[in-house]
Amino acid sequence: MKVSPPLSPSQPPAYSQKLREAAIELEAAFLSEMLKSAGLGKARQSFGGGAGEDQFASFLVQHQARALARSGGVGLSEILYQSMMEKTDAKDV
């Protein structure tokens, strides 16, 4: 069970949820680039699917990165979320 910090009175729950979603998407983008660098999604010689296989492999990597980020990822989204919450509290959004 994931426990979230309490919201300040000036921020509605929808705002907090939008920040959390943005943090997850940022982590997913980071993980996607890391997975690409690691070679995940590269075409294998045994299938020989051509250009189409290359194109859809990038979609697969993006989907896997989103799934990783939504299931907890490497913890980057929580750090980003906390940082964004601190910044918005300081500005009284």
PDB file of N, CA and C in Angstrom:
ATOM      1  N   MET A   1       0.845  -1.172   0.000  1.00  0.00           N
ATOM      2  CA  MET A   1       0.000   0.000   0.000  1.00  0.00           C
ATOM      3  C   MET A   1       0.886   1.230   0.000  1.00  0.00           C
ATOM      4  N   LYS A   2       0.586   2.154  -0.887  1.00  0.00           N
ATOM      5  CA  LYS A   2       1.361   3.380  -1.013  1.00  0.00           C
ATOM      6  C   LYS A   2       0.706   4.470  -0.184  1.00  0.00           C
ATOM      7  N   VAL A   3       1.489   5.141   0.646  1.00  0.00           N
ATOM      8  CA  VAL A   3       0.987   6.207   1.484  1.00  0.00           C
ATOM      9  C   VAL A   3       1.441   7.532   0.902  1.00  0.00           C
ATOM     10  N   SER A   4       0.505   8.435   0.695  1.00  0.00           N
ATOM     11  CA  SER A   4       0.808   9.751   0.144  1.00  0.00           C
ATOM     12  C   SER A   4       0.835  10.777   1.267  1.00  0.00           C
ATOM     13  N   PRO A   5       1.665  11.814   1.112  1.00  0.00           N
ATOM     14  CA  PRO A   5       1.692  12.865   2.128  1.00  0.00           C
ATOM     15  C   PRO A   5       0.391  13.652   2.108  1.00  0.00           C
ATOM     16  N   PRO A   6       0.039  14.261   3.235  1.00  0.00           N
ATOM     17  CA  PRO A   6      -1.197  15.047   3.257  1.00  0.00           C
ATOM     18  C   PRO A   6      -1.074  16.267   2.348  1.00  0.00           C
ATOM     19  N   LEU A   7      -2.199  16.669   1.802  1.00  0.00           N
ATOM     20  CA  LEU A   7      -2.227  17.835   0.921  1.00  0.00           C
ATOM     21  C   LEU A   7      -2.381  19.104   1.746  1.00  0.00           C
ATOM     22  N   SER A   8      -1.823  20.178   1.233  1.00  0.00           N
ATOM     23  CA  SER A   8      -2.047  21.463   1.889  1.00  0.00           C
ATOM     24  C   SER A   8      -3.465  21.915   1.556  1.00  0.00           C
ATOM     25  N   PRO A   9      -4.073  22.740   2.395  1.00  0.00           N
ATOM     26  CA  PRO A   9      -5.454  23.154   2.157  1.00  0.00           C
ATOM     27  C   PRO A   9      -5.654  23.897   0.835  1.00  0.00           C
ATOM     28  N   SER A  10      -4.594  24.525   0.318  1.00  0.00           N
ATOM     29  CA  SER A  10      -4.748  25.316  -0.902  1.00  0.00           C
ATOM     30  C   SER A  10      -4.718  24.476  -2.167  1.00  0.00           C
ATOM     31  N   GLN A  11      -4.421  23.186  -2.063  1.00  0.00           N
ATOM     32  CA  GLN A  11      -4.301  22.352  -3.247  1.00  0.00           C
ATOM     33  C   GLN A  11      -5.373  21.271  -3.267  1.00  0.00           C
ATOM     34  N   PRO A  12      -6.197  21.271  -4.297  1.00  0.00           N
ATOM     35  CA  PRO A  12      -7.216  20.229  -4.399  1.00  0.00           C
ATOM     36  C   PRO A  12      -6.586  18.886  -4.762  1.00  0.00           C
ATOM     37  N   PRO A  13      -7.265  17.781  -4.451  1.00  0.00           N
ATOM     38  CA  PRO A  13      -6.724  16.459  -4.769  1.00  0.00           C
ATOM     39  C   PRO A  13      -6.435  16.265  -6.252  1.00  0.00           C
ATOM     40  N   ALA A  14      -7.213  16.862  -7.129  1.00  0.00           N
ATOM     41  CA  ALA A  14      -6.987  16.707  -8.570  1.00  0.00           C
ATOM     42  C   ALA A  14      -5.637  17.294  -8.967  1.00  0.00           C
ATOM     43  N   TYR A  15      -5.242  18.402  -8.353  1.00  0.00           N
ATOM     44  CA  TYR A  15      -3.953  19.025  -8.641  1.00  0.00           C
ATOM     45  C   TYR A  15      -2.821  18.092  -8.229  1.00  0.00           C
ATOM     46  N   SER A  16      -2.945  17.503  -7.065  1.00  0.00           N
ATOM     47  CA  SER A  16      -1.937  16.575  -6.573  1.00  0.00           C
ATOM     48  C   SER A  16      -1.826  15.363  -7.492  1.00  0.00           C
ATOM     49  N   GLN A  17      -2.962  14.866  -7.956  1.00  0.00           N
ATOM     50  CA  GLN A  17      -2.966  13.714  -8.856  1.00  0.00           C
ATOM     51  C   GLN A  17      -2.305  14.052 -10.178  1.00  0.00           C
ATOM     52  N   LYS A  18      -2.525  15.265 -10.679  1.00  0.00           N
ATOM     53  CA  LYS A  18      -1.885  15.685 -11.921  1.00  0.00           C
ATOM     54  C   LYS A  18      -0.373  15.756 -11.756  1.00  0.00           C
ATOM     55  N   LEU A  19       0.080  16.251 -10.606  1.00  0.00           N
ATOM     56  CA  LEU A  19       1.528  16.284 -10.347  1.00  0.00           C
ATOM     57  C   LEU A  19       2.101  14.873 -10.285  1.00  0.00           C
ATOM     58  N   ARG A  20       1.377  13.966  -9.646  1.00  0.00           N
ATOM     59  CA  ARG A  20       1.861  12.581  -9.543  1.00  0.00           C
ATOM     60  C   ARG A  20       1.941  11.940 -10.928  1.00  0.00           C
ATOM     61  N   GLU A  21       0.917  12.164 -11.760  1.00  0.00           N
ATOM     62  CA  GLU A  21       0.929  11.617 -13.129  1.00  0.00           C
ATOM     63  C   GLU A  21       2.086  12.186 -13.944  1.00  0.00           C
ATOM     64  N   ALA A  22       2.350  13.480 -13.782  1.00  0.00           N
ATOM     65  CA  ALA A  22       3.465  14.102 -14.496  1.00  0.00           C
ATOM     66  C   ALA A  22       4.792  13.497 -14.048  1.00  0.00           C
ATOM     67  N   ALA A  23       4.931  13.251 -12.765  1.00  0.00           N
ATOM     68  CA  ALA A  23       6.160  12.645 -12.240  1.00  0.00           C
ATOM     69  C   ALA A  23       6.332  11.227 -12.785  1.00  0.00           C
ATOM     70  N   ILE A  24       5.253  10.479 -12.870  1.00  0.00           N
ATOM     71  CA  ILE A  24       5.323   9.113 -13.406  1.00  0.00           C
ATOM     72  C   ILE A  24       5.704   9.139 -14.879  1.00  0.00           C
ATOM     73  N   GLU A  25       5.134  10.077 -15.639  1.00  0.00           N
ATOM     74  CA  GLU A  25       5.475  10.180 -17.060  1.00  0.00           C
ATOM     75  C   GLU A  25       6.940  10.578 -17.259  1.00  0.00           C
ATOM     76  N   LEU A  26       7.453  11.444 -16.396  1.00  0.00           N
ATOM     77  CA  LEU A  26       8.873  11.808 -16.479  1.00  0.00           C
ATOM     78  C   LEU A  26       9.763  10.599 -16.196  1.00  0.00           C
ATOM     79  N   GLU A  27       9.394   9.819 -15.182  1.00  0.00           N
ATOM     80  CA  GLU A  27      10.169   8.617 -14.896  1.00  0.00           C
ATOM     81  C   GLU A  27      10.069   7.622 -16.046  1.00  0.00           C
ATOM     82  N   ALA A  28       8.895   7.502 -16.641  1.00  0.00           N
ATOM     83  CA  ALA A  28       8.727   6.587 -17.771  1.00  0.00           C
ATOM     84  C   ALA A  28       9.609   7.007 -18.949  1.00  0.00           C
ATOM     85  N   ALA A  29       9.701   8.305 -19.209  1.00  0.00           N
ATOM     86  CA  ALA A  29      10.563   8.789 -20.293  1.00  0.00           C
ATOM     87  C   ALA A  29      12.029   8.466 -19.997  1.00  0.00           C
ATOM     88  N   PHE A  30      12.422   8.656 -18.754  1.00  0.00           N
ATOM     89  CA  PHE A  30      13.789   8.334 -18.350  1.00  0.00           C
ATOM     90  C   PHE A  30      14.057   6.836 -18.510  1.00  0.00           C
ATOM     91  N   LEU A  31      13.148   6.014 -18.021  1.00  0.00           N
ATOM     92  CA  LEU A  31      13.318   4.565 -18.121  1.00  0.00           C
ATOM     93  C   LEU A  31      13.325   4.102 -19.573  1.00  0.00           C
ATOM     94  N   SER A  32      12.522   4.725 -20.405  1.00  0.00           N
ATOM     95  CA  SER A  32      12.489   4.378 -21.823  1.00  0.00           C
ATOM     96  C   SER A  32      13.859   4.593 -22.460  1.00  0.00           C
ATOM     97  N   GLU A  33      14.464   5.724 -22.164  1.00  0.00           N
ATOM     98  CA  GLU A  33      15.798   5.999 -22.707  1.00  0.00           C
ATOM     99  C   GLU A  33      16.835   5.015 -22.159  1.00  0.00           C
ATOM    100  N   MET A  34      16.708   4.659 -20.897  1.00  0.00           N
ATOM    101  CA  MET A  34      17.646   3.704 -20.309  1.00  0.00           C
ATOM    102  C   MET A  34      17.472   2.316 -20.933  1.00  0.00           C
ATOM    103  N   LEU A  35      16.226   1.913 -21.171  1.00  0.00           N
ATOM    104  CA  LEU A  35      15.980   0.619 -21.795  1.00  0.00           C
ATOM    105  C   LEU A  35      16.499   0.596 -23.226  1.00  0.00           C
ATOM    106  N   LYS A  36      16.337   1.704 -23.952  1.00  0.00           N
ATOM    107  CA  LYS A  36      16.876   1.783 -25.319  1.00  0.00           C
ATOM    108  C   LYS A  36      18.387   1.675 -25.303  1.00  0.00           C
ATOM    109  N   SER A  37      19.031   2.369 -24.356  1.00  0.00           N
ATOM    110  CA  SER A  37      20.491   2.317 -24.241  1.00  0.00           C
ATOM    111  C   SER A  37      20.984   0.914 -23.893  1.00  0.00           C
ATOM    112  N   ALA A  38      20.161   0.185 -23.151  1.00  0.00           N
ATOM    113  CA  ALA A  38      20.528  -1.176 -22.762  1.00  0.00           C
ATOM    114  C   ALA A  38      20.318  -2.169 -23.902  1.00  0.00           C
ATOM    115  N   GLY A  39      19.674  -1.716 -24.986  1.00  0.00           N
ATOM    116  CA  GLY A  39      19.487  -2.587 -26.135  1.00  0.00           C
ATOM    117  C   GLY A  39      18.139  -3.264 -26.204  1.00  0.00           C
ATOM    118  N   LEU A  40      17.252  -2.971 -25.267  1.00  0.00           N
ATOM    119  CA  LEU A  40      15.923  -3.560 -25.309  1.00  0.00           C
ATOM    120  C   LEU A  40      15.152  -2.966 -26.487  1.00  0.00           C
ATOM    121  N   GLY A  41      14.527  -3.795 -27.258  1.00  0.00           N
ATOM    122  CA  GLY A  41      13.752  -3.332 -28.392  1.00  0.00           C
ATOM    123  C   GLY A  41      14.499  -3.325 -29.711  1.00  0.00           C
ATOM    124  N   LYS A  42      15.778  -3.685 -29.686  1.00  0.00           N
ATOM    125  CA  LYS A  42      16.526  -3.757 -30.940  1.00  0.00           C
ATOM    126  C   LYS A  42      16.081  -4.998 -31.705  1.00  0.00           C
ATOM    127  N   ALA A  43      16.019  -4.847 -33.013  1.00  0.00           N
ATOM    128  CA  ALA A  43      15.589  -5.961 -33.850  1.00  0.00           C
ATOM    129  C   ALA A  43      16.607  -7.094 -33.780  1.00  0.00           C
ATOM    130  N   ARG A  44      16.080  -8.292 -33.662  1.00  0.00           N
ATOM    131  CA  ARG A  44      16.939  -9.472 -33.643  1.00  0.00           C
ATOM    132  C   ARG A  44      17.044 -10.018 -35.060  1.00  0.00           C
ATOM    133  N   GLN A  45      18.146 -10.579 -35.373  1.00  0.00           N
ATOM    134  CA  GLN A  45      18.379 -11.088 -36.725  1.00  0.00           C
ATOM    135  C   GLN A  45      17.468 -12.269 -37.063  1.00  0.00           C
ATOM    136  N   SER A  46      17.017 -13.002 -36.065  1.00  0.00           N
ATOM    137  CA  SER A  46      16.236 -14.207 -36.335  1.00  0.00           C
ATOM    138  C   SER A  46      14.847 -13.909 -36.903  1.00  0.00           C
ATOM    139  N   PHE A  47      14.255 -12.753 -36.578  1.00  0.00           N
ATOM    140  CA  PHE A  47      12.913 -12.457 -37.062  1.00  0.00           C
ATOM    141  C   PHE A  47      12.933 -11.789 -38.421  1.00  0.00           C
ATOM    142  N   GLY A  48      13.820 -10.851 -38.629  1.00  0.00           N
ATOM    143  CA  GLY A  48      13.925 -10.178 -39.914  1.00  0.00           C
ATOM    144  C   GLY A  48      12.663  -9.440 -40.310  1.00  0.00           C
ATOM    145  N   GLY A  49      12.048  -8.702 -39.371  1.00  0.00           N
ATOM    146  CA  GLY A  49      10.794  -8.018 -39.624  1.00  0.00           C
ATOM    147  C   GLY A  49      10.920  -6.719 -40.388  1.00  0.00           C
ATOM    148  N   GLY A  50      12.113  -6.238 -40.613  1.00  0.00           N
ATOM    149  CA  GLY A  50      12.304  -5.023 -41.389  1.00  0.00           C
ATOM    150  C   GLY A  50      12.015  -3.750 -40.624  1.00  0.00           C
ATOM    151  N   ALA A  51      11.673  -2.690 -41.381  1.00  0.00           N
ATOM    152  CA  ALA A  51      11.465  -1.365 -40.803  1.00  0.00           C
ATOM    153  C   ALA A  51      10.271  -1.332 -39.850  1.00  0.00           C
ATOM    154  N   GLY A  52       9.240  -2.081 -40.140  1.00  0.00           N
ATOM    155  CA  GLY A  52       8.062  -2.119 -39.275  1.00  0.00           C
ATOM    156  C   GLY A  52       8.393  -2.634 -37.892  1.00  0.00           C
ATOM    157  N   GLU A  53       9.231  -3.640 -37.846  1.00  0.00           N
ATOM    158  CA  GLU A  53       9.629  -4.198 -36.551  1.00  0.00           C
ATOM    159  C   GLU A  53      10.383  -3.155 -35.738  1.00  0.00           C
ATOM    160  N   ASP A  54      11.242  -2.389 -36.377  1.00  0.00           N
ATOM    161  CA  ASP A  54      11.982  -1.338 -35.684  1.00  0.00           C
ATOM    162  C   ASP A  54      11.037  -0.285 -35.117  1.00  0.00           C
ATOM    163  N   GLN A  55      10.045   0.105 -35.903  1.00  0.00           N
ATOM    164  CA  GLN A  55       9.107   1.134 -35.458  1.00  0.00           C
ATOM    165  C   GLN A  55       8.292   0.662 -34.257  1.00  0.00           C
ATOM    166  N   PHE A  56       7.760  -0.542 -34.334  1.00  0.00           N
ATOM    167  CA  PHE A  56       6.924  -1.030 -33.250  1.00  0.00           C
ATOM    168  C   PHE A  56       7.728  -1.428 -32.030  1.00  0.00           C
ATOM    169  N   ALA A  57       8.999  -1.704 -32.197  1.00  0.00           N
ATOM    170  CA  ALA A  57       9.855  -2.010 -31.055  1.00  0.00           C
ATOM    171  C   ALA A  57       9.963  -0.798 -30.138  1.00  0.00           C
ATOM    172  N   SER A  58       9.991   0.407 -30.707  1.00  0.00           N
ATOM    173  CA  SER A  58      10.062   1.613 -29.871  1.00  0.00           C
ATOM    174  C   SER A  58       8.778   1.782 -29.056  1.00  0.00           C
ATOM    175  N   PHE A  59       7.619   1.426 -29.644  1.00  0.00           N
ATOM    176  CA  PHE A  59       6.364   1.482 -28.895  1.00  0.00           C
ATOM    177  C   PHE A  59       6.378   0.487 -27.740  1.00  0.00           C
ATOM    178  N   LEU A  60       6.940  -0.684 -27.980  1.00  0.00           N
ATOM    179  CA  LEU A  60       7.035  -1.697 -26.940  1.00  0.00           C
ATOM    180  C   LEU A  60       7.897  -1.196 -25.782  1.00  0.00           C
ATOM    181  N   VAL A  61       9.019  -0.588 -26.094  1.00  0.00           N
ATOM    182  CA  VAL A  61       9.906  -0.060 -25.053  1.00  0.00           C
ATOM    183  C   VAL A  61       9.196   1.029 -24.256  1.00  0.00           C
ATOM    184  N   GLN A  62       8.473   1.921 -24.925  1.00  0.00           N
ATOM    185  CA  GLN A  62       7.739   2.975 -24.223  1.00  0.00           C
ATOM    186  C   GLN A  62       6.672   2.386 -23.307  1.00  0.00           C
ATOM    187  N   HIS A  63       5.968   1.380 -23.787  1.00  0.00           N
ATOM    188  CA  HIS A  63       4.926   0.742 -22.973  1.00  0.00           C
ATOM    189  C   HIS A  63       5.537   0.054 -21.753  1.00  0.00           C
ATOM    190  N   GLN A  64       6.641  -0.645 -21.955  1.00  0.00           N
ATOM    191  CA  GLN A  64       7.292  -1.324 -20.842  1.00  0.00           C
ATOM    192  C   GLN A  64       7.814  -0.310 -19.820  1.00  0.00           C
ATOM    193  N   ALA A  65       8.338   0.817 -20.297  1.00  0.00           N
ATOM    194  CA  ALA A  65       8.830   1.851 -19.389  1.00  0.00           C
ATOM    195  C   ALA A  65       7.686   2.444 -18.565  1.00  0.00           C
ATOM    196  N   ARG A  66       6.526   2.680 -19.200  1.00  0.00           N
ATOM    197  CA  ARG A  66       5.357   3.189 -18.463  1.00  0.00           C
ATOM    198  C   ARG A  66       4.891   2.181 -17.418  1.00  0.00           C
ATOM    199  N   ALA A  67       4.864   0.914 -17.804  1.00  0.00           N
ATOM    200  CA  ALA A  67       4.454  -0.125 -16.859  1.00  0.00           C
ATOM    201  C   ALA A  67       5.411  -0.188 -15.675  1.00  0.00           C
ATOM    202  N   LEU A  68       6.698  -0.074 -15.944  1.00  0.00           N
ATOM    203  CA  LEU A  68       7.687  -0.059 -14.865  1.00  0.00           C
ATOM    204  C   LEU A  68       7.468   1.133 -13.944  1.00  0.00           C
ATOM    205  N   ALA A  69       7.296   2.309 -14.518  1.00  0.00           N
ATOM    206  CA  ALA A  69       7.125   3.530 -13.719  1.00  0.00           C
ATOM    207  C   ALA A  69       5.857   3.454 -12.873  1.00  0.00           C
ATOM    208  N   ARG A  70       4.766   2.940 -13.450  1.00  0.00           N
ATOM    209  CA  ARG A  70       3.501   2.855 -12.711  1.00  0.00           C
ATOM    210  C   ARG A  70       3.542   1.814 -11.600  1.00  0.00           C
ATOM    211  N   SER A  71       4.413   0.833 -11.720  1.00  0.00           N
ATOM    212  CA  SER A  71       4.491  -0.198 -10.684  1.00  0.00           C
ATOM    213  C   SER A  71       5.563   0.115  -9.635  1.00  0.00           C
ATOM    214  N   GLY A  72       6.045   1.338  -9.638  1.00  0.00           N
ATOM    215  CA  GLY A  72       7.022   1.730  -8.617  1.00  0.00           C
ATOM    216  C   GLY A  72       8.345   2.161  -9.204  1.00  0.00           C
ATOM    217  N   GLY A  73       8.684   1.623 -10.358  1.00  0.00           N
ATOM    218  CA  GLY A  73       9.910   2.021 -11.049  1.00  0.00           C
ATOM    219  C   GLY A  73      11.150   1.956 -10.184  1.00  0.00           C
ATOM    220  N   VAL A  74      11.985   2.960 -10.337  1.00  0.00           N
ATOM    221  CA  VAL A  74      13.230   3.030  -9.572  1.00  0.00           C
ATOM    222  C   VAL A  74      13.136   4.077  -8.470  1.00  0.00           C
ATOM    223  N   GLY A  75      11.945   4.619  -8.253  1.00  0.00           N
ATOM    224  CA  GLY A  75      11.736   5.599  -7.194  1.00  0.00           C
ATOM    225  C   GLY A  75      11.901   7.042  -7.639  1.00  0.00           C
ATOM    226  N   LEU A  76      12.217   7.245  -8.883  1.00  0.00           N
ATOM    227  CA  LEU A  76      12.428   8.600  -9.386  1.00  0.00           C
ATOM    228  C   LEU A  76      11.140   9.418  -9.377  1.00  0.00           C
ATOM    229  N   SER A  77      10.020   8.799  -9.708  1.00  0.00           N
ATOM    230  CA  SER A  77       8.759   9.555  -9.761  1.00  0.00           C
ATOM    231  C   SER A  77       8.380  10.098  -8.390  1.00  0.00           C
ATOM    232  N   GLU A  78       8.636   9.354  -7.338  1.00  0.00           N
ATOM    233  CA  GLU A  78       8.297   9.839  -5.993  1.00  0.00           C
ATOM    234  C   GLU A  78       9.164  11.030  -5.613  1.00  0.00           C
ATOM    235  N   ILE A  79      10.441  10.989  -5.973  1.00  0.00           N
ATOM    236  CA  ILE A  79      11.340  12.114  -5.697  1.00  0.00           C
ATOM    237  C   ILE A  79      10.891  13.342  -6.484  1.00  0.00           C
ATOM    238  N   LEU A  80      10.547  13.144  -7.759  1.00  0.00           N
ATOM    239  CA  LEU A  80      10.069  14.252  -8.588  1.00  0.00           C
ATOM    240  C   LEU A  80       8.771  14.826  -8.034  1.00  0.00           C
ATOM    241  N   TYR A  81       7.867  13.945  -7.633  1.00  0.00           N
ATOM    242  CA  TYR A  81       6.584  14.381  -7.086  1.00  0.00           C
ATOM    243  C   TYR A  81       6.790  15.227  -5.820  1.00  0.00           C
ATOM    244  N   GLN A  82       7.606  14.729  -4.910  1.00  0.00           N
ATOM    245  CA  GLN A  82       7.862  15.464  -3.669  1.00  0.00           C
ATOM    246  C   GLN A  82       8.483  16.827  -3.958  1.00  0.00           C
ATOM    247  N   SER A  83       9.403  16.865  -4.914  1.00  0.00           N
ATOM    248  CA  SER A  83      10.047  18.122  -5.279  1.00  0.00           C
ATOM    249  C   SER A  83       9.041  19.112  -5.869  1.00  0.00           C
ATOM    250  N   MET A  84       8.159  18.620  -6.751  1.00  0.00           N
ATOM    251  CA  MET A  84       7.146  19.500  -7.338  1.00  0.00           C
ATOM    252  C   MET A  84       6.165  19.998  -6.287  1.00  0.00           C
ATOM    253  N   MET A  85       5.820  19.142  -5.327  1.00  0.00           N
ATOM    254  CA  MET A  85       4.923  19.562  -4.254  1.00  0.00           C
ATOM    255  C   MET A  85       5.559  20.659  -3.412  1.00  0.00           C
ATOM    256  N   GLU A  86       6.843  20.516  -3.115  1.00  0.00           N
ATOM    257  CA  GLU A  86       7.545  21.546  -2.346  1.00  0.00           C
ATOM    258  C   GLU A  86       7.581  22.866  -3.103  1.00  0.00           C
ATOM    259  N   LYS A  87       7.849  22.801  -4.396  1.00  0.00           N
ATOM    260  CA  LYS A  87       7.921  24.018  -5.214  1.00  0.00           C
ATOM    261  C   LYS A  87       6.563  24.708  -5.279  1.00  0.00           C
ATOM    262  N   THR A  88       5.502  23.954  -5.436  1.00  0.00           N
ATOM    263  CA  THR A  88       4.188  24.574  -5.545  1.00  0.00           C
ATOM    264  C   THR A  88       3.728  25.117  -4.193  1.00  0.00           C
ATOM    265  N   ASP A  89       4.115  24.471  -3.110  1.00  0.00           N
ATOM    266  CA  ASP A  89       3.770  24.990  -1.780  1.00  0.00           C
ATOM    267  C   ASP A  89       4.465  26.327  -1.549  1.00  0.00           C
ATOM    268  N   ALA A  90       5.693  26.453  -2.031  1.00  0.00           N
ATOM    269  CA  ALA A  90       6.447  27.687  -1.837  1.00  0.00           C
ATOM    270  C   ALA A  90       5.832  28.843  -2.610  1.00  0.00           C
ATOM    271  N   LYS A  91       5.176  28.529  -3.729  1.00  0.00           N
ATOM    272  CA  LYS A  91       4.600  29.579  -4.569  1.00  0.00           C
ATOM    273  C   LYS A  91       3.119  29.797  -4.281  1.00  0.00           C
ATOM    274  N   ASP A  92       2.530  28.992  -3.402  1.00  0.00           N
ATOM    275  CA  ASP A  92       1.110  29.082  -3.089  1.00  0.00           C
ATOM    276  C   ASP A  92       0.230  29.018  -4.324  1.00  0.00           C
ATOM    277  N   VAL A  93       0.401  27.957  -5.099  1.00  0.00           N
ATOM    278  CA  VAL A  93      -0.398  27.783  -6.312  1.00  0.00           C
ATOM    279  C   VAL A  93      -1.815  27.430  -5.940  1.00  0.00           C
TER     280      VAL A  93
END
